[in-house]
Amino acid sequence: MSATLSGSVVLTGVPVNVVVRFFTPNTTTEVMKACSPTDASGNFTIYGITPGTYDVGVKAGGYTSTLVEDEVFVEGETTDIDFPAGTSLGWYGGDIDGNDKIDSTDYAMVTTNYGNRGKCWNYPGNWLIPECPSPPPPGGACYGYVIS
């Protein structure tokens, strides 16, 4: 049996994809990793978490990461974590290249590409990766489920 994370990030008011990393407490040792799309309110769920205590980091595209420490995950239960927005918590917008740091490369990307649009700009729908069916495919890794 496993535990579940019910999380919330409030960044843009539109759905985003988040990557969630579980670390051994007070270390940089990653023990699990998952990803999930949020809904428009920033809510997401991760299933299949091995019960235990972890420091939990979350990162959304275009933002730097934030971390909450010593979160307890109990078998068969859901742990609720809100990752509030705000620069004091590590949420800085502008991480274009995804390296968790806003630097000259990000600045160059924005200034070089300012005003450009993707080939499918203004098409209906969205670019969110579809959620995994329930139950997930045997042996398959899906968004919303621990994948490593």
C-alpha atoms as a PDB file:
ATOM      1  CA  MET A   1       0.000   0.000   0.000  1.00  0.00           C
ATOM      2  CA  SER A   2       1.125   3.576  -0.556  1.00  0.00           C
ATOM      3  CA  ALA A   3       0.443   7.157   0.451  1.00  0.00           C
ATOM      4  CA  THR A   4      -0.927  10.091  -1.541  1.00  0.00           C
ATOM      5  CA  LEU A   5       0.005  13.766  -1.813  1.00  0.00           C
ATOM      6  CA  SER A   6      -2.742  16.313  -2.394  1.00  0.00           C
ATOM      7  CA  GLY A   7      -0.906  19.503  -3.290  1.00  0.00           C
ATOM      8  CA  SER A   8      -1.642  23.031  -4.321  1.00  0.00           C
ATOM      9  CA  VAL A   9       0.446  25.667  -6.069  1.00  0.00           C
ATOM     10  CA  VAL A  10      -0.889  29.094  -6.909  1.00  0.00           C
ATOM     11  CA  LEU A  11       1.236  30.663  -9.602  1.00  0.00           C
ATOM     12  CA  THR A  12      -0.646  31.833 -12.667  1.00  0.00           C
ATOM     13  CA  GLY A  13      -4.334  31.014 -12.330  1.00  0.00           C
ATOM     14  CA  VAL A  14      -4.044  28.568 -15.236  1.00  0.00           C
ATOM     15  CA  PRO A  15      -3.100  24.861 -15.242  1.00  0.00           C
ATOM     16  CA  VAL A  16       0.645  24.128 -15.147  1.00  0.00           C
ATOM     17  CA  ASN A  17       2.725  20.970 -14.992  1.00  0.00           C
ATOM     18  CA  VAL A  18       4.615  20.443 -11.731  1.00  0.00           C
ATOM     19  CA  VAL A  19       7.522  18.157 -10.927  1.00  0.00           C
ATOM     20  CA  VAL A  20       7.570  16.895  -7.348  1.00  0.00           C
ATOM     21  CA  ARG A  21      10.759  15.497  -5.790  1.00  0.00           C
ATOM     22  CA  PHE A  22      10.942  13.611  -2.509  1.00  0.00           C
ATOM     23  CA  PHE A  23      14.238  13.851  -0.600  1.00  0.00           C
ATOM     24  CA  THR A  24      15.623  12.107   2.462  1.00  0.00           C
ATOM     25  CA  PRO A  25      15.073  14.758   5.174  1.00  0.00           C
ATOM     26  CA  ASN A  26      17.823  17.351   5.559  1.00  0.00           C
ATOM     27  CA  THR A  27      19.758  16.010   2.555  1.00  0.00           C
ATOM     28  CA  THR A  28      19.836  16.449  -1.191  1.00  0.00           C
ATOM     29  CA  THR A  29      19.271  12.717  -1.762  1.00  0.00           C
ATOM     30  CA  GLU A  30      16.274  12.191  -4.034  1.00  0.00           C
ATOM     31  CA  VAL A  31      14.314   9.021  -3.287  1.00  0.00           C
ATOM     32  CA  MET A  32      11.256   9.492  -5.532  1.00  0.00           C
ATOM     33  CA  LYS A  33      10.113  11.795  -8.301  1.00  0.00           C
ATOM     34  CA  ALA A  34       6.687  12.431  -9.809  1.00  0.00           C
ATOM     35  CA  CYS A  35       4.949  14.909 -12.069  1.00  0.00           C
ATOM     36  CA  SER A  36       1.389  16.036 -12.544  1.00  0.00           C
ATOM     37  CA  PRO A  37      -0.673  18.689 -14.257  1.00  0.00           C
ATOM     38  CA  THR A  38      -2.591  21.031 -11.979  1.00  0.00           C
ATOM     39  CA  ASP A  39      -6.121  22.185 -12.466  1.00  0.00           C
ATOM     40  CA  ALA A  40      -6.849  25.900 -13.013  1.00  0.00           C
ATOM     41  CA  SER A  41      -6.828  26.411  -9.234  1.00  0.00           C
ATOM     42  CA  GLY A  42      -3.358  24.877  -8.865  1.00  0.00           C
ATOM     43  CA  ASN A  43      -4.454  21.590  -7.274  1.00  0.00           C
ATOM     44  CA  PHE A  44      -2.684  18.333  -8.092  1.00  0.00           C
ATOM     45  CA  THR A  45      -2.446  14.778  -6.742  1.00  0.00           C
ATOM     46  CA  ILE A  46       0.447  12.326  -6.615  1.00  0.00           C
ATOM     47  CA  TYR A  47      -0.269   8.642  -5.925  1.00  0.00           C
ATOM     48  CA  GLY A  48       2.046   5.741  -5.128  1.00  0.00           C
ATOM     49  CA  ILE A  49       4.281   7.413  -2.544  1.00  0.00           C
ATOM     50  CA  THR A  50       6.267   5.056  -0.322  1.00  0.00           C
ATOM     51  CA  PRO A  51       5.230   5.850   3.279  1.00  0.00           C
ATOM     52  CA  GLY A  52       7.832   7.806   5.245  1.00  0.00           C
ATOM     53  CA  THR A  53       9.067  11.293   6.080  1.00  0.00           C
ATOM     54  CA  TYR A  54      10.442  13.467   3.284  1.00  0.00           C
ATOM     55  CA  ASP A  55      11.483  16.947   2.351  1.00  0.00           C
ATOM     56  CA  VAL A  56       9.264  17.708  -0.654  1.00  0.00           C
ATOM     57  CA  GLY A  57      10.349  20.000  -3.470  1.00  0.00           C
ATOM     58  CA  VAL A  58       8.090  21.229  -6.243  1.00  0.00           C
ATOM     59  CA  LYS A  59       8.861  23.113  -9.448  1.00  0.00           C
ATOM     60  CA  ALA A  60       6.618  24.397 -12.201  1.00  0.00           C
ATOM     61  CA  GLY A  61       7.791  25.349 -15.678  1.00  0.00           C
ATOM     62  CA  GLY A  62       9.128  28.885 -15.798  1.00  0.00           C
ATOM     63  CA  TYR A  63       9.566  29.120 -12.016  1.00  0.00           C
ATOM     64  CA  THR A  64      12.285  28.221  -9.547  1.00  0.00           C
ATOM     65  CA  SER A  65      11.588  25.489  -6.994  1.00  0.00           C
ATOM     66  CA  THR A  66      10.338  25.606  -3.425  1.00  0.00           C
ATOM     67  CA  LEU A  67      10.731  23.072  -0.605  1.00  0.00           C
ATOM     68  CA  VAL A  68       8.787  21.997   2.475  1.00  0.00           C
ATOM     69  CA  GLU A  69      10.571  19.919   5.076  1.00  0.00           C
ATOM     70  CA  ASP A  70       9.716  16.882   7.176  1.00  0.00           C
ATOM     71  CA  GLU A  71       6.387  15.976   5.618  1.00  0.00           C
ATOM     72  CA  VAL A  72       5.002  12.658   6.869  1.00  0.00           C
ATOM     73  CA  PHE A  73       3.292  10.256   4.444  1.00  0.00           C
ATOM     74  CA  VAL A  74       1.254   7.459   6.045  1.00  0.00           C
ATOM     75  CA  GLU A  75       0.184   4.282   4.261  1.00  0.00           C
ATOM     76  CA  GLY A  76      -3.361   4.575   2.924  1.00  0.00           C
ATOM     77  CA  GLU A  77      -3.655   8.261   3.839  1.00  0.00           C
ATOM     78  CA  THR A  78      -3.448  11.558   1.969  1.00  0.00           C
ATOM     79  CA  THR A  79      -1.035  14.284   3.040  1.00  0.00           C
ATOM     80  CA  ASP A  80      -2.155  17.816   2.114  1.00  0.00           C
ATOM     81  CA  ILE A  81       0.569  20.352   1.277  1.00  0.00           C
ATOM     82  CA  ASP A  82       0.019  23.870   0.014  1.00  0.00           C
ATOM     83  CA  PHE A  83       3.028  25.348  -1.738  1.00  0.00           C
ATOM     84  CA  PRO A  84       2.099  29.039  -1.473  1.00  0.00           C
ATOM     85  CA  ALA A  85       3.373  31.490  -4.039  1.00  0.00           C
ATOM     86  CA  GLY A  86       5.835  34.184  -3.121  1.00  0.00           C
ATOM     87  CA  THR A  87       9.468  34.944  -3.671  1.00  0.00           C
ATOM     88  CA  SER A  88      10.279  34.445   0.018  1.00  0.00           C
ATOM     89  CA  LEU A  89       9.452  30.757  -0.570  1.00  0.00           C
ATOM     90  CA  GLY A  90      11.589  30.351  -3.670  1.00  0.00           C
ATOM     91  CA  TRP A  91       8.927  30.897  -6.334  1.00  0.00           C
ATOM     92  CA  TYR A  92      10.649  33.212  -8.770  1.00  0.00           C
ATOM     93  CA  GLY A  93       9.215  33.499 -12.266  1.00  0.00           C
ATOM     94  CA  GLY A  94      11.601  33.615 -15.231  1.00  0.00           C
ATOM     95  CA  ASP A  95      13.430  30.261 -15.216  1.00  0.00           C
ATOM     96  CA  ILE A  96      13.104  29.754 -18.968  1.00  0.00           C
ATOM     97  CA  ASP A  97      15.745  27.029 -19.381  1.00  0.00           C
ATOM     98  CA  GLY A  98      14.561  24.979 -16.390  1.00  0.00           C
ATOM     99  CA  ASN A  99      17.856  24.908 -14.470  1.00  0.00           C
ATOM    100  CA  ASP A 100      16.228  26.252 -11.251  1.00  0.00           C
ATOM    101  CA  LYS A 101      18.152  29.521 -11.498  1.00  0.00           C
ATOM    102  CA  ILE A 102      17.313  32.788 -13.245  1.00  0.00           C
ATOM    103  CA  ASP A 103      20.447  33.868 -15.061  1.00  0.00           C
ATOM    104  CA  SER A 104      21.787  35.507 -18.220  1.00  0.00           C
ATOM    105  CA  THR A 105      20.670  32.566 -20.370  1.00  0.00           C
ATOM    106  CA  ASP A 106      17.050  33.150 -19.335  1.00  0.00           C
ATOM    107  CA  TYR A 107      17.390  36.869 -19.996  1.00  0.00           C
ATOM    108  CA  ALA A 108      18.873  36.230 -23.423  1.00  0.00           C
ATOM    109  CA  MET A 109      16.067  33.795 -24.303  1.00  0.00           C
ATOM    110  CA  VAL A 110      13.385  36.287 -23.347  1.00  0.00           C
ATOM    111  CA  THR A 111      14.941  39.287 -25.087  1.00  0.00           C
ATOM    112  CA  THR A 112      15.763  37.300 -28.248  1.00  0.00           C
ATOM    113  CA  ASN A 113      12.333  35.715 -28.512  1.00  0.00           C
ATOM    114  CA  TYR A 114      10.112  38.455 -27.118  1.00  0.00           C
ATOM    115  CA  GLY A 115       6.842  38.706 -29.054  1.00  0.00           C
ATOM    116  CA  ASN A 116       7.230  35.420 -30.948  1.00  0.00           C
ATOM    117  CA  ARG A 117       4.492  32.823 -30.864  1.00  0.00           C
ATOM    118  CA  GLY A 118       4.385  29.059 -31.251  1.00  0.00           C
ATOM    119  CA  LYS A 119       3.083  27.566 -34.498  1.00  0.00           C
ATOM    120  CA  CYS A 120      -0.081  26.452 -32.712  1.00  0.00           C
ATOM    121  CA  TRP A 121      -0.670  29.708 -30.856  1.00  0.00           C
ATOM    122  CA  ASN A 122      -4.365  30.414 -30.486  1.00  0.00           C
ATOM    123  CA  TYR A 123      -5.388  26.823 -31.341  1.00  0.00           C
ATOM    124  CA  PRO A 124      -8.184  25.490 -29.120  1.00  0.00           C
ATOM    125  CA  GLY A 125      -7.257  23.149 -26.287  1.00  0.00           C
ATOM    126  CA  ASN A 126      -4.093  23.073 -24.201  1.00  0.00           C
ATOM    127  CA  TRP A 127      -0.650  21.479 -23.955  1.00  0.00           C
ATOM    128  CA  LEU A 128      -1.216  19.606 -20.715  1.00  0.00           C
ATOM    129  CA  ILE A 129      -0.150  15.982 -20.775  1.00  0.00           C
ATOM    130  CA  PRO A 130      -3.212  13.758 -20.365  1.00  0.00           C
ATOM    131  CA  GLU A 131      -3.794  12.220 -16.967  1.00  0.00           C
ATOM    132  CA  CYS A 132      -3.177   8.525 -16.582  1.00  0.00           C
ATOM    133  CA  PRO A 133      -6.247   6.301 -16.765  1.00  0.00           C
ATOM    134  CA  SER A 134      -7.499   4.860 -13.523  1.00  0.00           C
ATOM    135  CA  PRO A 135      -6.219   2.332 -12.737  1.00  0.00           C
ATOM    136  CA  PRO A 136      -2.883   3.074 -14.431  1.00  0.00           C
ATOM    137  CA  PRO A 137      -1.617   0.703 -17.088  1.00  0.00           C
ATOM    138  CA  PRO A 138       0.328  -2.266 -15.656  1.00  0.00           C
ATOM    139  CA  GLY A 139       3.955  -1.270 -15.299  1.00  0.00           C
ATOM    140  CA  GLY A 140       3.244   2.092 -16.920  1.00  0.00           C
ATOM    141  CA  ALA A 141       4.481   5.407 -15.642  1.00  0.00           C
ATOM    142  CA  CYS A 142       1.873   8.150 -15.730  1.00  0.00           C
ATOM    143  CA  TYR A 143       1.436  11.746 -14.758  1.00  0.00           C
ATOM    144  CA  GLY A 144       0.031  11.877 -11.281  1.00  0.00           C
ATOM    145  CA  TYR A 145       1.911   8.718 -10.264  1.00  0.00           C
ATOM    146  CA  VAL A 146       5.399   8.302  -8.862  1.00  0.00           C
ATOM    147  CA  ILE A 147       7.636   7.586 -11.834  1.00  0.00           C
ATOM    148  CA  SER A 148      11.012   6.909 -10.267  1.00  0.00           C
END
